Amino acid sequence: MSDPPVRIETLALGPLQTNCYVLRAQDDCWVVDPAWPQPLLDELKRLGAVPSRILLTHGHGDHIAGAADLKAAYPDALLCCPAADADMLTDPRMNMSEMFGVSITAPAPDELIEPGQVLQLGPTRWEVLDTAGHTPGGVSYYCPRAGVVLTGDALFDGSIGRIDIPGASASRLLKSVRVTLMSLPGETRILSGHGPASTIILQKTRNPFIVGCEI
């Protein structure tokens, strides 16, 4: 049996148990949504992995809380943020951490990510999908070769991201989920910002926001 094109570790981190993903392909490594610093740094050390990119699906505090420490430990890693969410990184009010009584910030991004970009991790190509709605700039990262999409807080197993918060849009998020994500192959694995993994075909049959519920 051949090795998978990319190896993915899932770490549920921080008070909100936000899913952080460590992606490795050949000698390259990415971290997606560095939700909390120390367990993530320990895991990277255990793996002997040096990240070249720190990718954010969106700018909320529970997805960026480990970014500053990670960037300090790996200064050559590029912090990549969706362009429309960039201002959230340095503003605890905008990134919602202030709502939970803490002040979370991250460094200014090294690279602004836009939907339509294609990023290369080892032999794998990752498409940046526009899945805004939970935040103005939310994106998902889709790898056709690996058959996986990292959706952040756009789509969960049986639900979607919150739309009752500043900057959210119900109509945009429903379009992101029903049009953009549901157009992916049914066997595509969904790795969300919270909760268990799923697949596109499962969400088409059991997610109420896809099978008919209106907001």
Protein backbone atom coordinates (compact mmCIF):
# COMPACT_ATOMS: atom_id res chain seq x y z
CA MET A 1 0.00 0.00 0.00
CA SER A 2 1.41 3.38 -0.99
CA ASP A 3 1.79 6.20 1.50
CA PRO A 4 -0.96 8.84 1.49
CA PRO A 5 -0.04 12.03 -0.39
CA VAL A 6 -0.43 14.05 2.80
CA ARG A 7 -0.48 13.07 6.46
CA ILE A 8 -2.86 15.01 8.68
CA GLU A 9 -2.81 15.18 12.48
CA THR A 10 -5.82 16.64 14.28
CA LEU A 11 -5.41 18.44 17.60
CA ALA A 12 -8.46 19.70 19.51
CA LEU A 13 -7.04 22.67 21.41
CA GLY A 14 -8.02 25.41 23.81
CA PRO A 15 -11.17 26.09 25.84
CA LEU A 16 -13.43 25.73 22.78
CA GLN A 17 -11.70 22.54 21.59
CA THR A 18 -10.89 24.09 18.25
CA ASN A 19 -9.48 21.69 15.69
CA CYS A 20 -5.94 22.50 14.59
CA TYR A 21 -4.46 20.50 11.73
CA VAL A 22 -0.82 19.62 11.08
CA LEU A 23 -0.32 18.71 7.43
CA ARG A 24 2.84 16.97 6.24
CA ALA A 25 3.85 16.02 2.72
CA GLN A 26 7.38 14.98 1.83
CA ASP A 27 9.61 17.35 3.80
CA ASP A 28 7.10 20.19 4.03
CA CYS A 29 4.62 21.01 6.79
CA TRP A 30 1.71 23.39 7.30
CA VAL A 31 -0.27 24.24 10.39
CA VAL A 32 -3.91 25.17 9.81
CA ASP A 33 -5.69 27.19 12.53
CA PRO A 34 -3.16 27.26 15.41
CA ALA A 35 -5.77 27.28 18.14
CA TRP A 36 -3.57 27.04 21.24
CA PRO A 37 0.21 27.24 21.57
CA GLN A 38 1.87 24.70 23.83
CA PRO A 39 0.24 21.39 22.83
CA LEU A 40 0.80 22.35 19.20
CA LEU A 41 4.46 23.21 19.74
CA ASP A 42 4.92 19.92 21.59
CA GLU A 43 3.35 17.98 18.72
CA LEU A 44 5.53 19.66 16.11
CA LYS A 45 8.61 18.81 18.16
CA ARG A 46 7.45 15.20 18.50
CA LEU A 47 6.94 14.96 14.74
CA GLY A 48 10.20 16.71 13.96
CA ALA A 49 8.19 18.98 11.67
CA VAL A 50 9.08 22.56 10.76
CA PRO A 51 6.11 24.45 9.31
CA SER A 52 6.62 26.58 6.23
CA ARG A 53 3.12 28.07 6.43
CA ILE A 54 0.61 28.87 9.15
CA LEU A 55 -2.75 28.94 7.40
CA LEU A 56 -5.92 30.47 8.84
CA THR A 57 -9.41 29.58 7.69
CA HIS A 58 -10.72 32.78 9.30
CA GLY A 59 -9.81 35.36 11.90
CA HIS A 60 -11.68 34.39 15.07
CA GLY A 61 -9.71 34.30 18.31
CA ASP A 62 -10.12 30.58 18.99
CA HIS A 63 -8.46 29.82 15.64
CA ILE A 64 -5.51 32.22 16.02
CA ALA A 65 -4.64 31.96 19.73
CA GLY A 66 -1.44 30.01 19.07
CA ALA A 67 -0.28 32.00 16.06
CA ALA A 68 2.01 34.43 17.91
CA ASP A 69 3.85 31.68 19.81
CA LEU A 70 4.07 29.52 16.70
CA LYS A 71 5.45 32.40 14.67
CA ALA A 72 7.99 33.13 17.42
CA ALA A 73 9.13 29.50 17.43
CA TYR A 74 9.23 29.28 13.62
CA PRO A 75 9.91 32.82 12.35
CA ASP A 76 10.38 31.66 8.76
CA ALA A 77 6.86 30.23 8.61
CA LEU A 78 4.52 32.46 6.61
CA LEU A 79 1.38 33.47 8.49
CA CYS A 80 -1.34 33.36 5.83
CA CYS A 81 -4.74 34.93 6.48
CA PRO A 82 -7.82 35.47 4.31
CA ALA A 83 -7.56 39.06 3.12
CA ALA A 84 -11.01 40.13 4.30
CA ASP A 85 -10.30 38.87 7.83
CA ALA A 86 -6.82 40.37 8.21
CA ASP A 87 -7.89 43.23 10.50
CA MET A 88 -9.35 40.71 12.95
CA LEU A 89 -5.92 39.39 13.90
CA THR A 90 -4.94 42.49 15.84
CA ASP A 91 -8.36 43.46 17.23
CA PRO A 92 -9.80 41.39 20.13
CA ARG A 93 -13.22 42.92 19.59
CA MET A 94 -13.35 41.97 15.93
CA ASN A 95 -11.95 38.47 16.50
CA MET A 96 -14.53 37.85 19.24
CA SER A 97 -12.03 36.95 21.97
CA GLU A 98 -13.11 40.03 23.95
CA MET A 99 -16.57 38.48 24.19
CA PHE A 100 -15.04 35.63 26.21
CA GLY A 101 -13.17 37.96 28.56
CA VAL A 102 -9.72 37.53 27.00
CA SER A 103 -7.63 39.57 24.61
CA ILE A 104 -6.23 37.41 21.82
CA THR A 105 -4.15 38.89 19.03
CA ALA A 106 -1.85 37.52 16.35
CA PRO A 107 0.92 39.09 14.30
CA ALA A 108 0.04 40.85 11.08
CA PRO A 109 -0.09 38.29 8.27
CA ASP A 110 2.87 37.70 5.99
CA GLU A 111 0.58 36.73 3.13
CA LEU A 112 -3.03 37.55 2.33
CA ILE A 113 -5.02 34.63 0.97
CA GLU A 114 -7.72 35.04 -1.68
CA PRO A 115 -10.24 32.52 -3.02
CA GLY A 116 -9.02 30.99 -6.26
CA GLN A 117 -5.42 30.68 -5.17
CA VAL A 118 -3.69 27.31 -5.38
CA LEU A 119 -1.06 26.47 -2.77
CA GLN A 120 1.52 23.69 -3.03
CA LEU A 121 2.40 21.36 -0.14
CA GLY A 122 4.93 18.80 -1.32
CA PRO A 123 3.26 16.99 -4.24
CA THR A 124 -0.24 18.14 -3.25
CA ARG A 125 -2.15 21.15 -4.57
CA TRP A 126 -4.61 22.93 -2.30
CA GLU A 127 -7.36 25.12 -3.69
CA VAL A 128 -8.54 28.11 -1.67
CA LEU A 129 -12.35 28.10 -1.69
CA ASP A 130 -14.57 31.06 -0.85
CA THR A 131 -16.63 29.90 2.13
CA ALA A 132 -17.38 33.28 3.68
CA GLY A 133 -20.42 33.92 5.82
CA HIS A 134 -19.34 32.96 9.31
CA THR A 135 -16.80 35.75 8.82
CA PRO A 136 -16.41 38.14 5.88
CA GLY A 137 -13.32 36.36 4.57
CA GLY A 138 -13.69 32.74 5.59
CA VAL A 139 -12.02 30.21 3.29
CA SER A 140 -11.67 26.45 3.03
CA TYR A 141 -8.64 24.54 1.80
CA TYR A 142 -9.41 21.68 -0.61
CA CYS A 143 -7.00 19.04 -1.87
CA PRO A 144 -8.49 16.94 -4.69
CA ARG A 145 -5.63 14.44 -4.61
CA ALA A 146 -6.07 13.75 -0.90
CA GLY A 147 -9.86 14.00 -1.10
CA VAL A 148 -10.09 16.34 1.88
CA VAL A 149 -11.39 19.83 2.60
CA LEU A 150 -10.59 21.90 5.70
CA THR A 151 -13.67 24.03 6.27
CA GLY A 152 -12.92 25.99 9.42
CA ASP A 153 -16.23 27.11 10.92
CA ALA A 154 -18.18 27.18 7.65
CA LEU A 155 -19.43 23.61 7.93
CA PHE A 156 -19.65 21.11 10.78
CA ASP A 157 -21.02 17.60 11.06
CA GLY A 158 -24.75 18.31 11.18
CA SER A 159 -24.52 22.09 11.37
CA ILE A 160 -22.92 25.27 10.04
CA GLY A 161 -21.03 28.17 11.61
CA ARG A 162 -22.70 30.82 13.73
CA ILE A 163 -24.37 33.66 11.86
CA ASP A 164 -25.61 35.61 14.93
CA ILE A 165 -22.31 37.44 15.43
CA PRO A 166 -20.81 40.65 14.00
CA GLY A 167 -19.56 40.25 10.45
CA ALA A 168 -21.58 37.11 9.74
CA SER A 169 -24.03 36.70 6.87
CA ALA A 170 -26.59 33.90 6.74
CA SER A 171 -27.13 34.22 3.00
CA ARG A 172 -23.41 34.12 2.22
CA LEU A 173 -22.78 31.15 4.49
CA LEU A 174 -25.67 29.15 3.06
CA LYS A 175 -24.37 29.82 -0.45
CA SER A 176 -20.86 28.82 0.64
CA VAL A 177 -22.10 25.54 2.06
CA ARG A 178 -24.84 24.61 -0.40
CA VAL A 179 -23.11 25.72 -3.59
CA THR A 180 -19.34 25.74 -3.03
CA LEU A 181 -18.84 22.86 -0.60
CA MET A 182 -21.68 20.62 -1.75
CA SER A 183 -20.26 20.70 -5.29
CA LEU A 184 -17.22 18.72 -4.12
CA PRO A 185 -17.12 14.94 -4.70
CA GLY A 186 -19.31 13.06 -2.23
CA GLU A 187 -16.45 11.05 -0.77
CA THR A 188 -14.49 14.19 0.15
CA ARG A 189 -13.59 14.17 3.85
CA ILE A 190 -14.64 17.26 5.77
CA LEU A 191 -12.24 18.38 8.50
CA SER A 192 -14.04 21.13 10.40
CA GLY A 193 -13.03 23.74 12.92
CA HIS A 194 -14.88 21.91 15.70
CA GLY A 195 -16.21 18.41 16.18
CA PRO A 196 -15.71 15.18 14.25
CA ALA A 197 -14.79 14.62 10.63
CA SER A 198 -17.48 13.80 8.09
CA THR A 199 -17.96 13.59 4.32
CA ILE A 200 -19.81 15.63 1.74
CA ILE A 201 -22.27 12.83 0.99
CA LEU A 202 -23.13 12.40 4.67
CA GLN A 203 -23.83 16.10 5.07
CA LYS A 204 -26.05 16.07 1.99
CA THR A 205 -28.25 13.50 3.70
CA ARG A 206 -28.29 14.59 7.34
CA ASN A 207 -27.28 18.23 7.73
CA PRO A 208 -30.53 20.21 8.18
CA PHE A 209 -28.99 23.37 6.72
CA ILE A 210 -28.33 21.51 3.49
CA VAL A 211 -31.41 19.31 3.19
CA GLY A 212 -33.95 22.07 3.52
CA CYS A 213 -33.77 24.19 6.68
CA GLU A 214 -33.91 27.94 6.07
CA ILE A 215 -32.49 30.56 8.40
